[in-house]
């Protein structure tokens, strides 16, 4: 893609979300562009009094170029959790 303009996003794109706990806090994974930098964001959200989901300061945002490193680290954590008996194959595939 040399010579082409770098792709940026005009608004965040949610790629995944799942419940963190029984209080129904939610982890949201999204892609966005901030100040010209493409980011991946993994952030905890909560439901406010009106039932709307709102982000918290608990999370991590990093340049999207680090996404392969994050994926590798999460896969290593999953493999180690299985090895230690913290997860079985059924839980890991859900």
Protein backbone atom coordinates (compact mmCIF):
# COMPACT_ATOMS: atom_id res chain seq x y z
CA UNK A 1 0.00 0.00 0.00
CA UNK A 2 2.92 2.34 -0.50
CA UNK A 3 1.99 5.77 -1.74
CA UNK A 4 -1.64 5.40 -0.66
CA UNK A 5 -3.15 7.56 2.07
CA UNK A 6 -3.29 5.85 5.45
CA UNK A 7 -6.76 4.64 6.37
CA UNK A 8 -8.42 6.43 9.29
CA UNK A 9 -11.83 5.96 10.88
CA UNK A 10 -14.37 8.78 11.12
CA UNK A 11 -16.03 7.11 14.11
CA UNK A 12 -15.18 4.19 16.45
CA UNK A 13 -15.96 0.66 15.26
CA UNK A 14 -17.03 -1.79 17.97
CA UNK A 15 -15.64 -5.24 17.22
CA UNK A 16 -16.55 -7.23 20.36
CA UNK A 17 -18.17 -6.95 23.75
CA UNK A 18 -18.80 -9.34 26.61
CA UNK A 19 -19.92 -9.25 30.24
CA UNK A 20 -17.10 -8.85 32.77
CA UNK A 21 -19.10 -9.84 35.84
CA UNK A 22 -22.55 -10.41 37.34
CA UNK A 23 -23.05 -6.65 37.85
CA UNK A 24 -23.23 -6.56 34.06
CA UNK A 25 -20.12 -4.44 33.58
CA UNK A 26 -19.12 -4.90 29.94
CA UNK A 27 -15.73 -5.12 28.23
CA UNK A 28 -15.82 -3.44 24.81
CA UNK A 29 -13.14 -3.86 22.14
CA UNK A 30 -13.12 -1.16 19.49
CA UNK A 31 -11.04 0.41 16.75
CA UNK A 32 -10.84 4.18 16.33
CA UNK A 33 -8.70 7.06 15.09
CA UNK A 34 -7.62 9.73 17.58
CA UNK A 35 -5.45 12.68 16.59
CA UNK A 36 -4.53 10.89 13.37
CA UNK A 37 -3.46 7.66 15.12
CA UNK A 38 -5.34 4.39 14.67
CA UNK A 39 -6.04 2.77 18.03
CA UNK A 40 -7.37 -0.45 19.48
CA UNK A 41 -9.22 0.09 22.77
CA UNK A 42 -10.16 -2.58 25.32
CA UNK A 43 -12.26 -0.81 27.95
CA UNK A 44 -14.68 -1.55 30.77
CA UNK A 45 -18.13 0.05 30.43
CA UNK A 46 -20.99 0.34 32.91
CA UNK A 47 -24.72 0.99 32.60
CA UNK A 48 -25.78 4.39 33.97
CA UNK A 49 -29.13 5.18 35.67
CA UNK A 50 -30.76 5.58 32.25
CA UNK A 51 -29.51 2.15 31.13
CA UNK A 52 -26.97 3.61 28.72
CA UNK A 53 -23.54 2.01 28.43
CA UNK A 54 -20.73 4.41 29.34
CA UNK A 55 -16.93 3.88 29.29
CA UNK A 56 -14.79 3.96 32.41
CA UNK A 57 -11.13 4.88 32.77
CA UNK A 58 -10.39 1.17 33.29
CA UNK A 59 -8.92 -0.13 30.09
CA UNK A 60 -6.10 0.16 27.64
CA UNK A 61 -5.77 1.94 24.32
CA UNK A 62 -2.78 1.45 22.06
CA UNK A 63 -1.76 2.05 18.48
CA UNK A 64 -3.27 -0.59 16.24
CA UNK A 65 0.23 -1.61 15.13
CA UNK A 66 0.60 -3.25 18.59
CA UNK A 67 -2.53 -5.39 18.03
CA UNK A 68 -0.52 -8.48 16.94
CA UNK A 69 1.50 -8.21 20.19
CA UNK A 70 -1.69 -7.96 22.26
CA UNK A 71 -3.23 -10.95 20.45
CA UNK A 72 -0.08 -13.01 21.02
CA UNK A 73 -0.07 -12.11 24.73
CA UNK A 74 -3.75 -13.01 25.18
CA UNK A 75 -3.22 -16.34 23.38
CA UNK A 76 -0.24 -17.09 25.65
CA UNK A 77 -2.36 -16.27 28.71
CA UNK A 78 -5.10 -18.62 27.50
CA UNK A 79 -2.61 -21.44 26.88
CA UNK A 80 -1.04 -20.93 30.34
CA UNK A 81 -4.48 -20.83 32.00
CA UNK A 82 -5.31 -24.18 30.36
CA UNK A 83 -1.93 -25.62 31.39
CA UNK A 84 -2.53 -24.55 35.01
CA UNK A 85 -6.05 -26.01 35.01
CA UNK A 86 -7.73 -22.60 35.29
CA UNK A 87 -9.66 -23.20 32.05
CA UNK A 88 -10.72 -26.34 30.30
CA UNK A 89 -11.14 -26.61 26.52
CA UNK A 90 -14.94 -26.10 26.77
CA UNK A 91 -14.56 -22.80 28.68
CA UNK A 92 -11.81 -21.53 26.37
CA UNK A 93 -13.93 -22.02 23.24
CA UNK A 94 -17.03 -20.15 24.53
